[in-house]
């Protein structure tokens, strides 16, 4: 919270709109790209393992395998 003096209010043509005096912008969250990349690599590995396991079940059933 901050106080605006009369000179500042006058400079703003007596407009008391809050956005003239207080910024409502929020800082963006910083993203750790190395951590995100590591997470994606782990997910990709999990997909590979899951697909291999699923293809084993499909092979037992005589069904076509996933590519």
PDB file of N, CA and C in Angstrom:
ATOM      1  N   UNK A   1       0.846  -1.173   0.000  1.00  0.00           N
ATOM      2  CA  UNK A   1       0.000   0.000   0.000  1.00  0.00           C
ATOM      3  C   UNK A   1       0.894   1.239   0.000  1.00  0.00           C
ATOM      4  N   UNK A   2       0.440   2.259  -0.701  1.00  0.00           N
ATOM      5  CA  UNK A   2       1.206   3.487  -0.699  1.00  0.00           C
ATOM      6  C   UNK A   2       0.258   4.681  -0.753  1.00  0.00           C
ATOM      7  N   UNK A   3       0.745   5.811  -0.335  1.00  0.00           N
ATOM      8  CA  UNK A   3      -0.035   7.048  -0.359  1.00  0.00           C
ATOM      9  C   UNK A   3       0.359   7.864  -1.580  1.00  0.00           C
ATOM     10  N   UNK A   4      -0.655   8.395  -2.264  1.00  0.00           N
ATOM     11  CA  UNK A   4      -0.411   9.299  -3.385  1.00  0.00           C
ATOM     12  C   UNK A   4      -0.690  10.715  -2.888  1.00  0.00           C
ATOM     13  N   UNK A   5       0.238  11.630  -3.156  1.00  0.00           N
ATOM     14  CA  UNK A   5       0.003  13.010  -2.709  1.00  0.00           C
ATOM     15  C   UNK A   5      -0.864  13.747  -3.734  1.00  0.00           C
ATOM     16  N   UNK A   6      -1.357  14.898  -3.345  1.00  0.00           N
ATOM     17  CA  UNK A   6      -2.272  15.667  -4.192  1.00  0.00           C
ATOM     18  C   UNK A   6      -1.637  16.065  -5.525  1.00  0.00           C
ATOM     19  N   UNK A   7      -0.334  16.317  -5.524  1.00  0.00           N
ATOM     20  CA  UNK A   7       0.338  16.697  -6.773  1.00  0.00           C
ATOM     21  C   UNK A   7       0.265  15.546  -7.777  1.00  0.00           C
ATOM     22  N   UNK A   8       0.491  14.321  -7.311  1.00  0.00           N
ATOM     23  CA  UNK A   8       0.426  13.166  -8.199  1.00  0.00           C
ATOM     24  C   UNK A   8      -1.003  12.953  -8.696  1.00  0.00           C
ATOM     25  N   UNK A   9      -1.980  13.110  -7.801  1.00  0.00           N
ATOM     26  CA  UNK A   9      -3.379  12.966  -8.191  1.00  0.00           C
ATOM     27  C   UNK A   9      -3.745  14.023  -9.222  1.00  0.00           C
ATOM     28  N   UNK A  10      -3.271  15.235  -9.026  1.00  0.00           N
ATOM     29  CA  UNK A  10      -3.539  16.309  -9.980  1.00  0.00           C
ATOM     30  C   UNK A  10      -2.907  16.014 -11.335  1.00  0.00           C
ATOM     31  N   UNK A  11      -1.669  15.456 -11.316  1.00  0.00           N
ATOM     32  CA  UNK A  11      -0.994  15.100 -12.574  1.00  0.00           C
ATOM     33  C   UNK A  11      -1.797  14.049 -13.341  1.00  0.00           C
ATOM     34  N   UNK A  12      -2.537  13.238 -12.603  1.00  0.00           N
ATOM     35  CA  UNK A  12      -3.365  12.196 -13.232  1.00  0.00           C
ATOM     36  C   UNK A  12      -4.789  12.694 -13.487  1.00  0.00           C
ATOM     37  N   UNK A  13      -4.955  14.009 -13.583  1.00  0.00           N
ATOM     38  CA  UNK A  13      -6.258  14.637 -13.855  1.00  0.00           C
ATOM     39  C   UNK A  13      -7.324  14.211 -12.846  1.00  0.00           C
ATOM     40  N   UNK A  14      -6.899  14.054 -11.614  1.00  0.00           N
ATOM     41  CA  UNK A  14      -7.780  13.675 -10.501  1.00  0.00           C
ATOM     42  C   UNK A  14      -8.460  12.323 -10.711  1.00  0.00           C
ATOM     43  N   UNK A  15      -7.839  11.523 -11.545  1.00  0.00           N
ATOM     44  CA  UNK A  15      -8.344  10.168 -11.788  1.00  0.00           C
ATOM     45  C   UNK A  15      -7.885   9.296 -10.622  1.00  0.00           C
ATOM     46  N   UNK A  16      -8.841   8.707  -9.901  1.00  0.00           N
ATOM     47  CA  UNK A  16      -8.509   7.895  -8.729  1.00  0.00           C
ATOM     48  C   UNK A  16      -8.528   6.399  -9.031  1.00  0.00           C
ATOM     49  N   UNK A  17      -8.432   6.060 -10.285  1.00  0.00           N
ATOM     50  CA  UNK A  17      -8.380   4.656 -10.666  1.00  0.00           C
ATOM     51  C   UNK A  17      -7.152   4.013 -10.018  1.00  0.00           C
ATOM     52  N   UNK A  18      -7.343   2.901  -9.354  1.00  0.00           N
ATOM     53  CA  UNK A  18      -6.270   2.242  -8.585  1.00  0.00           C
ATOM     54  C   UNK A  18      -5.063   1.927  -9.468  1.00  0.00           C
ATOM     55  N   UNK A  19      -5.318   1.507 -10.691  1.00  0.00           N
ATOM     56  CA  UNK A  19      -4.209   1.109 -11.560  1.00  0.00           C
ATOM     57  C   UNK A  19      -3.271   2.268 -11.900  1.00  0.00           C
ATOM     58  N   UNK A  20      -3.696   3.503 -11.673  1.00  0.00           N
ATOM     59  CA  UNK A  20      -2.809   4.657 -11.892  1.00  0.00           C
ATOM     60  C   UNK A  20      -1.758   4.765 -10.789  1.00  0.00           C
ATOM     61  N   UNK A  21      -2.026   4.180  -9.657  1.00  0.00           N
ATOM     62  CA  UNK A  21      -1.161   4.378  -8.488  1.00  0.00           C
ATOM     63  C   UNK A  21      -0.532   3.088  -7.960  1.00  0.00           C
ATOM     64  N   UNK A  22      -1.143   1.968  -8.268  1.00  0.00           N
ATOM     65  CA  UNK A  22      -0.650   0.686  -7.763  1.00  0.00           C
ATOM     66  C   UNK A  22      -0.574  -0.287  -8.929  1.00  0.00           C
ATOM     67  N   UNK A  23       0.564  -0.911  -9.089  1.00  0.00           N
ATOM     68  CA  UNK A  23       0.718  -1.902 -10.148  1.00  0.00           C
ATOM     69  C   UNK A  23       0.024  -3.191  -9.731  1.00  0.00           C
ATOM     70  N   UNK A  24      -0.786  -3.738 -10.626  1.00  0.00           N
ATOM     71  CA  UNK A  24      -1.467  -5.004 -10.351  1.00  0.00           C
ATOM     72  C   UNK A  24      -0.769  -6.167 -11.055  1.00  0.00           C
ATOM     73  N   UNK A  25       0.338  -5.877 -11.709  1.00  0.00           N
ATOM     74  CA  UNK A  25       1.077  -6.927 -12.417  1.00  0.00           C
ATOM     75  C   UNK A  25       1.718  -7.879 -11.417  1.00  0.00           C
ATOM     76  N   UNK A  26       1.679  -9.148 -11.746  1.00  0.00           N
ATOM     77  CA  UNK A  26       2.304 -10.162 -10.909  1.00  0.00           C
ATOM     78  C   UNK A  26       3.526 -10.707 -11.634  1.00  0.00           C
ATOM     79  N   UNK A  27       4.569 -10.915 -10.869  1.00  0.00           N
ATOM     80  CA  UNK A  27       5.798 -11.462 -11.457  1.00  0.00           C
ATOM     81  C   UNK A  27       5.541 -12.898 -11.911  1.00  0.00           C
ATOM     82  N   UNK A  28       6.093 -13.235 -13.073  1.00  0.00           N
ATOM     83  CA  UNK A  28       5.940 -14.590 -13.572  1.00  0.00           C
ATOM     84  C   UNK A  28       6.828 -15.533 -12.782  1.00  0.00           C
ATOM     85  N   UNK A  29       6.330 -16.746 -12.614  1.00  0.00           N
ATOM     86  CA  UNK A  29       7.099 -17.764 -11.910  1.00  0.00           C
ATOM     87  C   UNK A  29       8.330 -18.132 -12.745  1.00  0.00           C
ATOM     88  N   UNK A  30       9.468 -18.212 -12.091  1.00  0.00           N
ATOM     89  CA  UNK A  30      10.697 -18.587 -12.791  1.00  0.00           C
ATOM     90  C   UNK A  30      10.701 -20.097 -12.990  1.00  0.00           C
ATOM     91  N   UNK A  31      11.033 -20.512 -14.199  1.00  0.00           N
ATOM     92  CA  UNK A  31      11.018 -21.937 -14.538  1.00  0.00           C
ATOM     93  C   UNK A  31      12.444 -22.441 -14.639  1.00  0.00           C
ATOM     94  N   UNK A  32      12.718 -23.522 -13.939  1.00  0.00           N
ATOM     95  CA  UNK A  32      14.032 -24.160 -13.986  1.00  0.00           C
ATOM     96  C   UNK A  32      14.028 -25.138 -15.161  1.00  0.00           C
ATOM     97  N   UNK A  33      14.586 -24.704 -16.296  1.00  0.00           N
ATOM     98  CA  UNK A  33      14.526 -25.512 -17.514  1.00  0.00           C
ATOM     99  C   UNK A  33      15.268 -26.835 -17.380  1.00  0.00           C
ATOM    100  N   UNK A  34      16.355 -26.857 -16.633  1.00  0.00           N
ATOM    101  CA  UNK A  34      17.086 -28.116 -16.443  1.00  0.00           C
ATOM    102  C   UNK A  34      16.225 -29.122 -15.688  1.00  0.00           C
ATOM    103  N   UNK A  35      15.506 -28.652 -14.669  1.00  0.00           N
ATOM    104  CA  UNK A  35      14.643 -29.538 -13.887  1.00  0.00           C
ATOM    105  C   UNK A  35      13.481 -30.043 -14.743  1.00  0.00           C
ATOM    106  N   UNK A  36      12.897 -29.153 -15.545  1.00  0.00           N
ATOM    107  CA  UNK A  36      11.793 -29.553 -16.419  1.00  0.00           C
ATOM    108  C   UNK A  36      12.287 -30.575 -17.434  1.00  0.00           C
ATOM    109  N   UNK A  37      13.462 -30.339 -17.992  1.00  0.00           N
ATOM    110  CA  UNK A  37      14.036 -31.279 -18.957  1.00  0.00           C
ATOM    111  C   UNK A  37      14.254 -32.645 -18.305  1.00  0.00           C
ATOM    112  N   UNK A  38      14.787 -32.641 -17.097  1.00  0.00           N
ATOM    113  CA  UNK A  38      14.989 -33.902 -16.369  1.00  0.00           C
ATOM    114  C   UNK A  38      13.678 -34.629 -16.127  1.00  0.00           C
ATOM    115  N   UNK A  39      12.646 -33.889 -15.749  1.00  0.00           N
ATOM    116  CA  UNK A  39      11.319 -34.486 -15.535  1.00  0.00           C
ATOM    117  C   UNK A  39      10.790 -35.109 -16.823  1.00  0.00           C
ATOM    118  N   UNK A  40      10.957 -34.399 -17.937  1.00  0.00           N
ATOM    119  CA  UNK A  40      10.482 -34.919 -19.222  1.00  0.00           C
ATOM    120  C   UNK A  40      11.240 -36.180 -19.631  1.00  0.00           C
ATOM    121  N   UNK A  41      12.534 -36.226 -19.353  1.00  0.00           N
ATOM    122  CA  UNK A  41      13.310 -37.431 -19.663  1.00  0.00           C
ATOM    123  C   UNK A  41      12.812 -38.619 -18.845  1.00  0.00           C
ATOM    124  N   UNK A  42      12.501 -38.392 -17.561  1.00  0.00           N
ATOM    125  CA  UNK A  42      11.971 -39.466 -16.713  1.00  0.00           C
ATOM    126  C   UNK A  42      10.623 -39.951 -17.220  1.00  0.00           C
ATOM    127  N   UNK A  43       9.785 -39.012 -17.629  1.00  0.00           N
ATOM    128  CA  UNK A  43       8.466 -39.369 -18.155  1.00  0.00           C
ATOM    129  C   UNK A  43       8.618 -40.172 -19.443  1.00  0.00           C
ATOM    130  N   UNK A  44       9.538 -39.741 -20.298  1.00  0.00           N
ATOM    131  CA  UNK A  44       9.772 -40.453 -21.558  1.00  0.00           C
ATOM    132  C   UNK A  44      10.225 -41.887 -21.293  1.00  0.00           C
ATOM    133  N   UNK A  45      11.109 -42.069 -20.319  1.00  0.00           N
ATOM    134  CA  UNK A  45      11.567 -43.416 -19.962  1.00  0.00           C
ATOM    135  C   UNK A  45      10.401 -44.262 -19.448  1.00  0.00           C
ATOM    136  N   UNK A  46       9.526 -43.660 -18.645  1.00  0.00           N
ATOM    137  CA  UNK A  46       8.365 -44.383 -18.127  1.00  0.00           C
ATOM    138  C   UNK A  46       7.442 -44.803 -19.269  1.00  0.00           C
ATOM    139  N   UNK A  47       7.303 -43.956 -20.279  1.00  0.00           N
ATOM    140  CA  UNK A  47       6.475 -44.283 -21.444  1.00  0.00           C
ATOM    141  C   UNK A  47       7.070 -45.473 -22.183  1.00  0.00           C
ATOM    142  N   UNK A  48       8.386 -45.477 -22.364  1.00  0.00           N
ATOM    143  CA  UNK A  48       9.053 -46.578 -23.069  1.00  0.00           C
ATOM    144  C   UNK A  48       8.827 -47.892 -22.323  1.00  0.00           C
ATOM    145  N   UNK A  49       9.009 -47.877 -21.014  1.00  0.00           N
ATOM    146  CA  UNK A  49       8.822 -49.089 -20.206  1.00  0.00           C
ATOM    147  C   UNK A  49       7.366 -49.552 -20.263  1.00  0.00           C
ATOM    148  N   UNK A  50       6.434 -48.619 -20.150  1.00  0.00           N
ATOM    149  CA  UNK A  50       5.013 -48.968 -20.189  1.00  0.00           C
ATOM    150  C   UNK A  50       4.635 -49.556 -21.550  1.00  0.00           C
ATOM    151  N   UNK A  51       5.177 -48.979 -22.623  1.00  0.00           N
ATOM    152  CA  UNK A  51       4.864 -49.490 -23.955  1.00  0.00           C
ATOM    153  C   UNK A  51       5.422 -50.899 -24.141  1.00  0.00           C
ATOM    154  N   UNK A  52       6.625 -51.145 -23.638  1.00  0.00           N
ATOM    155  CA  UNK A  52       7.213 -52.486 -23.739  1.00  0.00           C
ATOM    156  C   UNK A  52       6.345 -53.502 -22.991  1.00  0.00           C
ATOM    157  N   UNK A  53       5.896 -53.123 -21.810  1.00  0.00           N
ATOM    158  CA  UNK A  53       5.056 -54.016 -21.003  1.00  0.00           C
ATOM    159  C   UNK A  53       3.716 -54.250 -21.708  1.00  0.00           C
ATOM    160  N   UNK A  54       3.142 -53.193 -22.244  1.00  0.00           N
ATOM    161  CA  UNK A  54       1.868 -53.304 -22.947  1.00  0.00           C
ATOM    162  C   UNK A  54       2.024 -54.189 -24.190  1.00  0.00           C
ATOM    163  N   UNK A  55       3.116 -54.006 -24.917  1.00  0.00           N
ATOM    164  CA  UNK A  55       3.355 -54.822 -26.107  1.00  0.00           C
ATOM    165  C   UNK A  55       3.536 -56.291 -25.751  1.00  0.00           C
ATOM    166  N   UNK A  56       4.102 -56.573 -24.586  1.00  0.00           N
ATOM    167  CA  UNK A  56       4.231 -57.968 -24.144  1.00  0.00           C
ATOM    168  C   UNK A  56       2.846 -58.582 -23.958  1.00  0.00           C
ATOM    169  N   UNK A  57       1.924 -57.840 -23.365  1.00  0.00           N
ATOM    170  CA  UNK A  57       0.551 -58.335 -23.199  1.00  0.00           C
ATOM    171  C   UNK A  57      -0.127 -58.526 -24.555  1.00  0.00           C
ATOM    172  N   UNK A  58       0.074 -57.563 -25.457  1.00  0.00           N
ATOM    173  CA  UNK A  58      -0.525 -57.681 -26.791  1.00  0.00           C
ATOM    174  C   UNK A  58       0.020 -58.901 -27.527  1.00  0.00           C
ATOM    175  N   UNK A  59       1.320 -59.148 -27.387  1.00  0.00           N
ATOM    176  CA  UNK A  59       1.942 -60.308 -28.047  1.00  0.00           C
ATOM    177  C   UNK A  59       1.323 -61.598 -27.499  1.00  0.00           C
ATOM    178  N   UNK A  60       1.120 -61.682 -26.187  1.00  0.00           N
ATOM    179  CA  UNK A  60       0.494 -62.875 -25.600  1.00  0.00           C
ATOM    180  C   UNK A  60      -0.899 -63.116 -26.159  1.00  0.00           C
ATOM    181  N   UNK A  61      -1.607 -62.027 -26.448  1.00  0.00           N
ATOM    182  CA  UNK A  61      -2.971 -62.127 -26.968  1.00  0.00           C
ATOM    183  C   UNK A  61      -3.017 -62.263 -28.483  1.00  0.00           C
ATOM    184  N   UNK A  62      -1.845 -62.206 -29.135  1.00  0.00           N
ATOM    185  CA  UNK A  62      -1.774 -62.340 -30.579  1.00  0.00           C
ATOM    186  C   UNK A  62      -2.293 -61.100 -31.300  1.00  0.00           C
ATOM    187  N   UNK A  63      -2.212 -59.966 -30.629  1.00  0.00           N
ATOM    188  CA  UNK A  63      -2.676 -58.709 -31.211  1.00  0.00           C
ATOM    189  C   UNK A  63      -1.489 -57.906 -31.755  1.00  0.00           C
ATOM    190  N   UNK A  64      -1.755 -56.985 -32.690  1.00  0.00           N
ATOM    191  CA  UNK A  64      -0.651 -56.179 -33.211  1.00  0.00           C
ATOM    192  C   UNK A  64      -0.038 -55.282 -32.125  1.00  0.00           C
ATOM    193  N   UNK A  65       1.271 -55.147 -32.192  1.00  0.00           N
ATOM    194  CA  UNK A  65       1.993 -54.356 -31.196  1.00  0.00           C
ATOM    195  C   UNK A  65       1.920 -52.872 -31.534  1.00  0.00           C
ATOM    196  N   UNK A  66       2.102 -52.060 -30.510  1.00  0.00           N
ATOM    197  CA  UNK A  66       2.213 -50.621 -30.718  1.00  0.00           C
ATOM    198  C   UNK A  66       3.575 -50.312 -31.330  1.00  0.00           C
ATOM    199  N   UNK A  67       3.637 -49.317 -32.190  1.00  0.00           N
ATOM    200  CA  UNK A  67       4.923 -48.983 -32.812  1.00  0.00           C
ATOM    201  C   UNK A  67       5.914 -48.422 -31.803  1.00  0.00           C
TER     202      UNK A  67
END
